[in-house]
């Protein structure tokens, strides 16, 4: 009985390790998808603002800043940073 319990524990430990590894892979894929979505949204919004297609209200400006912070937290890139800073310098956001 003791040997069966030890075998079961080893098997459960192995399943936990495999599950955690699978979670890590899935989380990495989700992060990559999330950053692509955020990048596309930021570029679209910042381009419309830069080109004066629309003027964002205060809530939209706040949202842009929040999304930019999340984007930077996931890695971000200098292309979006440059667009963001350009709009900021022009007091558009």
PDB file of N, CA and C in Angstrom:
ATOM      1  N   UNK A   1       0.823  -1.209   0.000  1.00  0.00           N
ATOM      2  CA  UNK A   1       0.000   0.000   0.000  1.00  0.00           C
ATOM      3  C   UNK A   1       0.859   1.262   0.000  1.00  0.00           C
ATOM      4  N   UNK A   2       1.930   1.255   0.817  1.00  0.00           N
ATOM      5  CA  UNK A   2       2.816   2.410   0.892  1.00  0.00           C
ATOM      6  C   UNK A   2       3.484   2.676  -0.455  1.00  0.00           C
ATOM      7  N   UNK A   3       3.916   1.635  -1.135  1.00  0.00           N
ATOM      8  CA  UNK A   3       4.549   1.788  -2.447  1.00  0.00           C
ATOM      9  C   UNK A   3       3.561   2.381  -3.452  1.00  0.00           C
ATOM     10  N   UNK A   4       2.311   1.968  -3.406  1.00  0.00           N
ATOM     11  CA  UNK A   4       1.282   2.498  -4.309  1.00  0.00           C
ATOM     12  C   UNK A   4       1.042   3.984  -4.040  1.00  0.00           C
ATOM     13  N   UNK A   5       1.064   4.385  -2.773  1.00  0.00           N
ATOM     14  CA  UNK A   5       0.877   5.791  -2.420  1.00  0.00           C
ATOM     15  C   UNK A   5       2.064   6.628  -2.914  1.00  0.00           C
ATOM     16  N   UNK A   6       3.261   6.081  -2.777  1.00  0.00           N
ATOM     17  CA  UNK A   6       4.450   6.797  -3.248  1.00  0.00           C
ATOM     18  C   UNK A   6       4.417   6.952  -4.770  1.00  0.00           C
ATOM     19  N   UNK A   7       4.006   5.909  -5.456  1.00  0.00           N
ATOM     20  CA  UNK A   7       3.908   5.951  -6.913  1.00  0.00           C
ATOM     21  C   UNK A   7       2.856   6.982  -7.336  1.00  0.00           C
ATOM     22  N   UNK A   8       1.732   6.979  -6.630  1.00  0.00           N
ATOM     23  CA  UNK A   8       0.670   7.942  -6.941  1.00  0.00           C
ATOM     24  C   UNK A   8       1.152   9.371  -6.718  1.00  0.00           C
ATOM     25  N   UNK A   9       1.893   9.600  -5.624  1.00  0.00           N
ATOM     26  CA  UNK A   9       2.413  10.938  -5.339  1.00  0.00           C
ATOM     27  C   UNK A   9       3.388  11.377  -6.435  1.00  0.00           C
ATOM     28  N   UNK A  10       4.272  10.486  -6.848  1.00  0.00           N
ATOM     29  CA  UNK A  10       5.216  10.818  -7.918  1.00  0.00           C
ATOM     30  C   UNK A  10       4.478  11.152  -9.211  1.00  0.00           C
ATOM     31  N   UNK A  11       3.444  10.374  -9.496  1.00  0.00           N
ATOM     32  CA  UNK A  11       2.655  10.619 -10.704  1.00  0.00           C
ATOM     33  C   UNK A  11       1.958  11.984 -10.636  1.00  0.00           C
ATOM     34  N   UNK A  12       1.381  12.307  -9.480  1.00  0.00           N
ATOM     35  CA  UNK A  12       0.710  13.607  -9.316  1.00  0.00           C
ATOM     36  C   UNK A  12       1.713  14.763  -9.405  1.00  0.00           C
ATOM     37  N   UNK A  13       2.892  14.584  -8.834  1.00  0.00           N
ATOM     38  CA  UNK A  13       3.932  15.608  -8.933  1.00  0.00           C
ATOM     39  C   UNK A  13       4.331  15.844 -10.385  1.00  0.00           C
ATOM     40  N   UNK A  14       4.455  14.758 -11.146  1.00  0.00           N
ATOM     41  CA  UNK A  14       4.791  14.860 -12.568  1.00  0.00           C
ATOM     42  C   UNK A  14       3.684  15.606 -13.324  1.00  0.00           C
ATOM     43  N   UNK A  15       2.435  15.287 -13.039  1.00  0.00           N
ATOM     44  CA  UNK A  15       1.313  15.979 -13.690  1.00  0.00           C
ATOM     45  C   UNK A  15       1.308  17.465 -13.365  1.00  0.00           C
ATOM     46  N   UNK A  16       1.616  17.810 -12.119  1.00  0.00           N
ATOM     47  CA  UNK A  16       1.676  19.229 -11.723  1.00  0.00           C
ATOM     48  C   UNK A  16       2.756  19.966 -12.510  1.00  0.00           C
ATOM     49  N   UNK A  17       3.923  19.348 -12.618  1.00  0.00           N
ATOM     50  CA  UNK A  17       5.024  19.967 -13.372  1.00  0.00           C
ATOM     51  C   UNK A  17       4.639  20.170 -14.833  1.00  0.00           C
ATOM     52  N   UNK A  18       4.041  19.137 -15.434  1.00  0.00           N
ATOM     53  CA  UNK A  18       3.622  19.244 -16.835  1.00  0.00           C
ATOM     54  C   UNK A  18       2.549  20.308 -17.001  1.00  0.00           C
ATOM     55  N   UNK A  19       1.642  20.388 -16.047  1.00  0.00           N
ATOM     56  CA  UNK A  19       0.574  21.383 -16.109  1.00  0.00           C
ATOM     57  C   UNK A  19       1.143  22.796 -16.013  1.00  0.00           C
ATOM     58  N   UNK A  20       2.089  22.994 -15.093  1.00  0.00           N
ATOM     59  CA  UNK A  20       2.712  24.318 -14.938  1.00  0.00           C
ATOM     60  C   UNK A  20       3.480  24.708 -16.198  1.00  0.00           C
ATOM     61  N   UNK A  21       4.165  23.753 -16.796  1.00  0.00           N
ATOM     62  CA  UNK A  21       4.905  24.026 -18.037  1.00  0.00           C
ATOM     63  C   UNK A  21       3.932  24.405 -19.148  1.00  0.00           C
ATOM     64  N   UNK A  22       2.821  23.686 -19.225  1.00  0.00           N
ATOM     65  CA  UNK A  22       1.797  24.006 -20.225  1.00  0.00           C
ATOM     66  C   UNK A  22       1.189  25.373 -19.985  1.00  0.00           C
ATOM     67  N   UNK A  23       0.973  25.720 -18.717  1.00  0.00           N
ATOM     68  CA  UNK A  23       0.439  27.046 -18.377  1.00  0.00           C
ATOM     69  C   UNK A  23       1.401  28.147 -18.823  1.00  0.00           C
ATOM     70  N   UNK A  24       2.676  27.921 -18.615  1.00  0.00           N
ATOM     71  CA  UNK A  24       3.684  28.910 -19.011  1.00  0.00           C
ATOM     72  C   UNK A  24       3.669  29.127 -20.515  1.00  0.00           C
ATOM     73  N   UNK A  25       3.608  28.044 -21.269  1.00  0.00           N
ATOM     74  CA  UNK A  25       3.563  28.146 -22.734  1.00  0.00           C
ATOM     75  C   UNK A  25       2.312  28.910 -23.165  1.00  0.00           C
ATOM     76  N   UNK A  26       1.176  28.563 -22.595  1.00  0.00           N
ATOM     77  CA  UNK A  26      -0.081  29.231 -22.936  1.00  0.00           C
ATOM     78  C   UNK A  26      -0.047  30.705 -22.556  1.00  0.00           C
ATOM     79  N   UNK A  27       0.467  31.024 -21.375  1.00  0.00           N
ATOM     80  CA  UNK A  27       0.550  32.426 -20.956  1.00  0.00           C
ATOM     81  C   UNK A  27       1.455  33.234 -21.872  1.00  0.00           C
ATOM     82  N   UNK A  28       2.553  32.636 -22.316  1.00  0.00           N
ATOM     83  CA  UNK A  28       3.446  33.337 -23.242  1.00  0.00           C
ATOM     84  C   UNK A  28       2.737  33.625 -24.568  1.00  0.00           C
ATOM     85  N   UNK A  29       1.964  32.653 -25.049  1.00  0.00           N
ATOM     86  CA  UNK A  29       1.223  32.856 -26.300  1.00  0.00           C
ATOM     87  C   UNK A  29       0.167  33.947 -26.122  1.00  0.00           C
ATOM     88  N   UNK A  30      -0.510  33.930 -24.983  1.00  0.00           N
ATOM     89  CA  UNK A  30      -1.527  34.957 -24.717  1.00  0.00           C
ATOM     90  C   UNK A  30      -0.898  36.344 -24.629  1.00  0.00           C
ATOM     91  N   UNK A  31       0.266  36.436 -23.978  1.00  0.00           N
ATOM     92  CA  UNK A  31       0.958  37.727 -23.878  1.00  0.00           C
ATOM     93  C   UNK A  31       1.344  38.245 -25.254  1.00  0.00           C
ATOM     94  N   UNK A  32       1.831  37.356 -26.122  1.00  0.00           N
ATOM     95  CA  UNK A  32       2.212  37.771 -27.480  1.00  0.00           C
ATOM     96  C   UNK A  32       0.995  38.261 -28.255  1.00  0.00           C
ATOM     97  N   UNK A  33      -0.117  37.569 -28.104  1.00  0.00           N
ATOM     98  CA  UNK A  33      -1.349  37.985 -28.774  1.00  0.00           C
ATOM     99  C   UNK A  33      -1.835  39.312 -28.211  1.00  0.00           C
ATOM    100  N   UNK A  34      -1.769  39.469 -26.900  1.00  0.00           N
ATOM    101  CA  UNK A  34      -2.222  40.706 -26.246  1.00  0.00           C
ATOM    102  C   UNK A  34      -1.374  41.895 -26.704  1.00  0.00           C
ATOM    103  N   UNK A  35      -0.071  41.722 -26.772  1.00  0.00           N
ATOM    104  CA  UNK A  35       0.793  42.835 -27.166  1.00  0.00           C
ATOM    105  C   UNK A  35       0.539  43.226 -28.621  1.00  0.00           C
ATOM    106  N   UNK A  36       0.263  42.251 -29.481  1.00  0.00           N
ATOM    107  CA  UNK A  36      -0.055  42.570 -30.882  1.00  0.00           C
ATOM    108  C   UNK A  36      -1.346  43.366 -30.969  1.00  0.00           C
ATOM    109  N   UNK A  37      -2.349  42.965 -30.189  1.00  0.00           N
ATOM    110  CA  UNK A  37      -3.634  43.662 -30.187  1.00  0.00           C
ATOM    111  C   UNK A  37      -3.476  45.086 -29.659  1.00  0.00           C
ATOM    112  N   UNK A  38      -2.753  45.241 -28.563  1.00  0.00           N
ATOM    113  CA  UNK A  38      -2.532  46.575 -27.994  1.00  0.00           C
ATOM    114  C   UNK A  38      -1.764  47.461 -28.963  1.00  0.00           C
ATOM    115  N   UNK A  39      -0.749  46.897 -29.614  1.00  0.00           N
ATOM    116  CA  UNK A  39       0.063  47.672 -30.565  1.00  0.00           C
ATOM    117  C   UNK A  39      -0.802  48.176 -31.712  1.00  0.00           C
ATOM    118  N   UNK A  40      -1.619  47.281 -32.255  1.00  0.00           N
ATOM    119  CA  UNK A  40      -2.473  47.662 -33.373  1.00  0.00           C
ATOM    120  C   UNK A  40      -3.448  48.768 -32.944  1.00  0.00           C
ATOM    121  N   UNK A  41      -4.045  48.620 -31.761  1.00  0.00           N
ATOM    122  CA  UNK A  41      -5.004  49.615 -31.279  1.00  0.00           C
ATOM    123  C   UNK A  41      -4.316  50.963 -31.055  1.00  0.00           C
ATOM    124  N   UNK A  42      -3.147  50.941 -30.408  1.00  0.00           N
ATOM    125  CA  UNK A  42      -2.431  52.192 -30.144  1.00  0.00           C
ATOM    126  C   UNK A  42      -2.019  52.890 -31.434  1.00  0.00           C
ATOM    127  N   UNK A  43      -1.492  52.149 -32.387  1.00  0.00           N
ATOM    128  CA  UNK A  43      -1.079  52.760 -33.656  1.00  0.00           C
ATOM    129  C   UNK A  43      -2.276  53.366 -34.373  1.00  0.00           C
ATOM    130  N   UNK A  44      -3.393  52.653 -34.377  1.00  0.00           N
ATOM    131  CA  UNK A  44      -4.604  53.165 -35.028  1.00  0.00           C
ATOM    132  C   UNK A  44      -5.070  54.455 -34.364  1.00  0.00           C
ATOM    133  N   UNK A  45      -5.188  54.435 -33.041  1.00  0.00           N
ATOM    134  CA  UNK A  45      -5.674  55.612 -32.320  1.00  0.00           C
ATOM    135  C   UNK A  45      -4.706  56.787 -32.431  1.00  0.00           C
ATOM    136  N   UNK A  46      -3.431  56.520 -32.231  1.00  0.00           N
ATOM    137  CA  UNK A  46      -2.445  57.604 -32.295  1.00  0.00           C
ATOM    138  C   UNK A  46      -2.342  58.197 -33.696  1.00  0.00           C
ATOM    139  N   UNK A  47      -2.507  57.375 -34.713  1.00  0.00           N
ATOM    140  CA  UNK A  47      -2.488  57.881 -36.092  1.00  0.00           C
ATOM    141  C   UNK A  47      -3.677  58.794 -36.345  1.00  0.00           C
ATOM    142  N   UNK A  48      -4.857  58.380 -35.895  1.00  0.00           N
ATOM    143  CA  UNK A  48      -6.049  59.224 -36.076  1.00  0.00           C
ATOM    144  C   UNK A  48      -5.890  60.543 -35.327  1.00  0.00           C
ATOM    145  N   UNK A  49      -5.321  60.490 -34.148  1.00  0.00           N
ATOM    146  CA  UNK A  49      -5.117  61.716 -33.364  1.00  0.00           C
ATOM    147  C   UNK A  49      -4.068  62.593 -34.030  1.00  0.00           C
ATOM    148  N   UNK A  50      -2.964  61.993 -34.423  1.00  0.00           N
ATOM    149  CA  UNK A  50      -1.882  62.739 -35.080  1.00  0.00           C
ATOM    150  C   UNK A  50      -2.356  63.418 -36.363  1.00  0.00           C
ATOM    151  N   UNK A  51      -3.169  62.681 -37.134  1.00  0.00           N
ATOM    152  CA  UNK A  51      -3.677  63.207 -38.399  1.00  0.00           C
ATOM    153  C   UNK A  51      -4.909  64.083 -38.223  1.00  0.00           C
ATOM    154  N   UNK A  52      -5.269  64.309 -36.968  1.00  0.00           N
ATOM    155  CA  UNK A  52      -6.406  65.150 -36.604  1.00  0.00           C
ATOM    156  C   UNK A  52      -7.719  64.653 -37.185  1.00  0.00           C
ATOM    157  N   UNK A  53      -7.849  63.322 -37.312  1.00  0.00           N
ATOM    158  CA  UNK A  53      -9.117  62.728 -37.722  1.00  0.00           C
ATOM    159  C   UNK A  53     -10.144  62.863 -36.616  1.00  0.00           C
ATOM    160  N   UNK A  54      -9.654  62.867 -35.384  1.00  0.00           N
ATOM    161  CA  UNK A  54     -10.534  63.146 -34.253  1.00  0.00           C
ATOM    162  C   UNK A  54      -9.720  63.641 -33.077  1.00  0.00           C
ATOM    163  N   UNK A  55     -10.384  64.338 -32.176  1.00  0.00           N
ATOM    164  CA  UNK A  55      -9.763  64.838 -30.958  1.00  0.00           C
ATOM    165  C   UNK A  55     -10.314  64.022 -29.800  1.00  0.00           C
ATOM    166  N   UNK A  56      -9.449  63.339 -29.081  1.00  0.00           N
ATOM    167  CA  UNK A  56      -9.932  62.497 -27.986  1.00  0.00           C
ATOM    168  C   UNK A  56     -10.414  63.331 -26.802  1.00  0.00           C
ATOM    169  N   UNK A  57     -11.469  62.841 -26.149  1.00  0.00           N
ATOM    170  CA  UNK A  57     -11.910  63.504 -24.922  1.00  0.00           C
ATOM    171  C   UNK A  57     -11.035  63.015 -23.765  1.00  0.00           C
ATOM    172  N   UNK A  58     -11.284  63.499 -22.570  1.00  0.00           N
ATOM    173  CA  UNK A  58     -10.437  63.157 -21.424  1.00  0.00           C
ATOM    174  C   UNK A  58     -10.454  61.662 -21.118  1.00  0.00           C
ATOM    175  N   UNK A  59     -11.602  61.034 -21.237  1.00  0.00           N
ATOM    176  CA  UNK A  59     -11.711  59.595 -20.985  1.00  0.00           C
ATOM    177  C   UNK A  59     -10.891  58.810 -22.013  1.00  0.00           C
ATOM    178  N   UNK A  60     -10.952  59.210 -23.266  1.00  0.00           N
ATOM    179  CA  UNK A  60     -10.181  58.541 -24.309  1.00  0.00           C
ATOM    180  C   UNK A  60      -8.681  58.730 -24.092  1.00  0.00           C
ATOM    181  N   UNK A  61      -8.289  59.922 -23.660  1.00  0.00           N
ATOM    182  CA  UNK A  61      -6.878  60.185 -23.361  1.00  0.00           C
ATOM    183  C   UNK A  61      -6.408  59.285 -22.219  1.00  0.00           C
ATOM    184  N   UNK A  62      -7.235  59.165 -21.178  1.00  0.00           N
ATOM    185  CA  UNK A  62      -6.892  58.321 -20.039  1.00  0.00           C
ATOM    186  C   UNK A  62      -6.734  56.875 -20.491  1.00  0.00           C
ATOM    187  N   UNK A  63      -7.642  56.422 -21.341  1.00  0.00           N
ATOM    188  CA  UNK A  63      -7.589  55.054 -21.853  1.00  0.00           C
ATOM    189  C   UNK A  63      -6.313  54.821 -22.667  1.00  0.00           C
ATOM    190  N   UNK A  64      -5.950  55.770 -23.484  1.00  0.00           N
ATOM    191  CA  UNK A  64      -4.721  55.653 -24.285  1.00  0.00           C
ATOM    192  C   UNK A  64      -3.511  55.516 -23.364  1.00  0.00           C
ATOM    193  N   UNK A  65      -3.468  56.314 -22.314  1.00  0.00           N
ATOM    194  CA  UNK A  65      -2.353  56.230 -21.366  1.00  0.00           C
ATOM    195  C   UNK A  65      -2.338  54.874 -20.655  1.00  0.00           C
ATOM    196  N   UNK A  66      -3.498  54.369 -20.252  1.00  0.00           N
ATOM    197  CA  UNK A  66      -3.571  53.076 -19.578  1.00  0.00           C
ATOM    198  C   UNK A  66      -3.139  51.935 -20.504  1.00  0.00           C
ATOM    199  N   UNK A  67      -3.614  51.981 -21.740  1.00  0.00           N
ATOM    200  CA  UNK A  67      -3.252  50.939 -22.700  1.00  0.00           C
ATOM    201  C   UNK A  67      -1.752  51.003 -22.995  1.00  0.00           C
ATOM    202  N   UNK A  68      -1.225  52.199 -23.113  1.00  0.00           N
ATOM    203  CA  UNK A  68       0.210  52.378 -23.357  1.00  0.00           C
ATOM    204  C   UNK A  68       1.021  51.806 -22.197  1.00  0.00           C
ATOM    205  N   UNK A  69       0.580  52.037 -20.956  1.00  0.00           N
ATOM    206  CA  UNK A  69       1.274  51.477 -19.796  1.00  0.00           C
ATOM    207  C   UNK A  69       1.264  49.949 -19.830  1.00  0.00           C
ATOM    208  N   UNK A  70       0.111  49.368 -20.162  1.00  0.00           N
ATOM    209  CA  UNK A  70       0.025  47.911 -20.254  1.00  0.00           C
ATOM    210  C   UNK A  70       0.936  47.399 -21.367  1.00  0.00           C
ATOM    211  N   UNK A  71       0.909  48.082 -22.508  1.00  0.00           N
ATOM    212  CA  UNK A  71       1.742  47.710 -23.650  1.00  0.00           C
ATOM    213  C   UNK A  71       3.221  47.740 -23.270  1.00  0.00           C
ATOM    214  N   UNK A  72       3.638  48.791 -22.583  1.00  0.00           N
ATOM    215  CA  UNK A  72       5.036  48.879 -22.151  1.00  0.00           C
ATOM    216  C   UNK A  72       5.374  47.772 -21.160  1.00  0.00           C
ATOM    217  N   UNK A  73       4.420  47.428 -20.282  1.00  0.00           N
ATOM    218  CA  UNK A  73       4.646  46.372 -19.317  1.00  0.00           C
ATOM    219  C   UNK A  73       4.867  45.011 -19.959  1.00  0.00           C
ATOM    220  N   UNK A  74       4.303  44.837 -21.149  1.00  0.00           N
ATOM    221  CA  UNK A  74       4.465  43.574 -21.880  1.00  0.00           C
ATOM    222  C   UNK A  74       5.674  43.590 -22.814  1.00  0.00           C
ATOM    223  N   UNK A  75       6.346  44.695 -22.893  1.00  0.00           N
ATOM    224  CA  UNK A  75       7.532  44.773 -23.753  1.00  0.00           C
ATOM    225  C   UNK A  75       7.548  46.004 -24.624  1.00  0.00           C
ATOM    226  N   UNK A  76       6.414  46.309 -25.256  1.00  0.00           N
ATOM    227  CA  UNK A  76       6.305  47.513 -26.077  1.00  0.00           C
ATOM    228  C   UNK A  76       7.390  47.628 -27.132  1.00  0.00           C
ATOM    229  N   UNK A  77       7.408  48.751 -27.833  1.00  0.00           N
ATOM    230  CA  UNK A  77       8.480  49.026 -28.788  1.00  0.00           C
ATOM    231  C   UNK A  77       8.608  50.526 -29.006  1.00  0.00           C
ATOM    232  N   UNK A  78       9.720  50.910 -29.612  1.00  0.00           N
ATOM    233  CA  UNK A  78      10.020  52.327 -29.764  1.00  0.00           C
ATOM    234  C   UNK A  78       9.134  53.005 -30.805  1.00  0.00           C
ATOM    235  N   UNK A  79       8.598  52.261 -31.756  1.00  0.00           N
ATOM    236  CA  UNK A  79       7.728  52.863 -32.771  1.00  0.00           C
ATOM    237  C   UNK A  79       6.499  53.477 -32.113  1.00  0.00           C
ATOM    238  N   UNK A  80       5.837  52.715 -31.252  1.00  0.00           N
ATOM    239  CA  UNK A  80       4.666  53.226 -30.539  1.00  0.00           C
ATOM    240  C   UNK A  80       5.097  54.312 -29.559  1.00  0.00           C
ATOM    241  N   UNK A  81       6.240  54.117 -28.890  1.00  0.00           N
ATOM    242  CA  UNK A  81       6.742  55.145 -27.972  1.00  0.00           C
ATOM    243  C   UNK A  81       6.925  56.478 -28.685  1.00  0.00           C
ATOM    244  N   UNK A  82       7.512  56.435 -29.874  1.00  0.00           N
ATOM    245  CA  UNK A  82       7.746  57.664 -30.633  1.00  0.00           C
ATOM    246  C   UNK A  82       6.436  58.338 -31.028  1.00  0.00           C
ATOM    247  N   UNK A  83       5.473  57.555 -31.489  1.00  0.00           N
ATOM    248  CA  UNK A  83       4.164  58.116 -31.853  1.00  0.00           C
ATOM    249  C   UNK A  83       3.496  58.757 -30.637  1.00  0.00           C
ATOM    250  N   UNK A  84       3.541  58.037 -29.523  1.00  0.00           N
ATOM    251  CA  UNK A  84       2.928  58.504 -28.286  1.00  0.00           C
ATOM    252  C   UNK A  84       3.569  59.814 -27.834  1.00  0.00           C
ATOM    253  N   UNK A  85       4.889  59.839 -27.807  1.00  0.00           N
ATOM    254  CA  UNK A  85       5.608  61.046 -27.365  1.00  0.00           C
ATOM    255  C   UNK A  85       5.357  62.220 -28.306  1.00  0.00           C
ATOM    256  N   UNK A  86       5.274  61.957 -29.607  1.00  0.00           N
ATOM    257  CA  UNK A  86       4.997  63.011 -30.574  1.00  0.00           C
ATOM    258  C   UNK A  86       3.621  63.631 -30.311  1.00  0.00           C
ATOM    259  N   UNK A  87       2.634  62.800 -30.075  1.00  0.00           N
ATOM    260  CA  UNK A  87       1.283  63.311 -29.790  1.00  0.00           C
ATOM    261  C   UNK A  87       1.260  64.057 -28.456  1.00  0.00           C
ATOM    262  N   UNK A  88       2.026  63.560 -27.506  1.00  0.00           N
ATOM    263  CA  UNK A  88       2.092  64.203 -26.202  1.00  0.00           C
ATOM    264  C   UNK A  88       2.737  65.592 -26.308  1.00  0.00           C
ATOM    265  N   UNK A  89       3.813  65.690 -27.060  1.00  0.00           N
ATOM    266  CA  UNK A  89       4.518  66.975 -27.231  1.00  0.00           C
ATOM    267  C   UNK A  89       3.613  68.008 -27.868  1.00  0.00           C
ATOM    268  N   UNK A  90       2.722  67.556 -28.739  1.00  0.00           N
ATOM    269  CA  UNK A  90       1.793  68.458 -29.432  1.00  0.00           C
ATOM    270  C   UNK A  90       0.520  68.698 -28.619  1.00  0.00           C
ATOM    271  N   UNK A  91       0.505  68.194 -27.374  1.00  0.00           N
ATOM    272  CA  UNK A  91      -0.644  68.315 -26.478  1.00  0.00           C
ATOM    273  C   UNK A  91      -1.924  67.725 -27.084  1.00  0.00           C
ATOM    274  N   UNK A  92      -1.777  66.668 -27.845  1.00  0.00           N
ATOM    275  CA  UNK A  92      -2.940  66.006 -28.437  1.00  0.00           C
ATOM    276  C   UNK A  92      -3.512  64.939 -27.514  1.00  0.00           C
ATOM    277  N   UNK A  93      -2.656  64.457 -26.592  1.00  0.00           N
ATOM    278  CA  UNK A  93      -3.118  63.465 -25.615  1.00  0.00           C
ATOM    279  C   UNK A  93      -2.650  63.856 -24.230  1.00  0.00           C
TER     280      UNK A  93
END
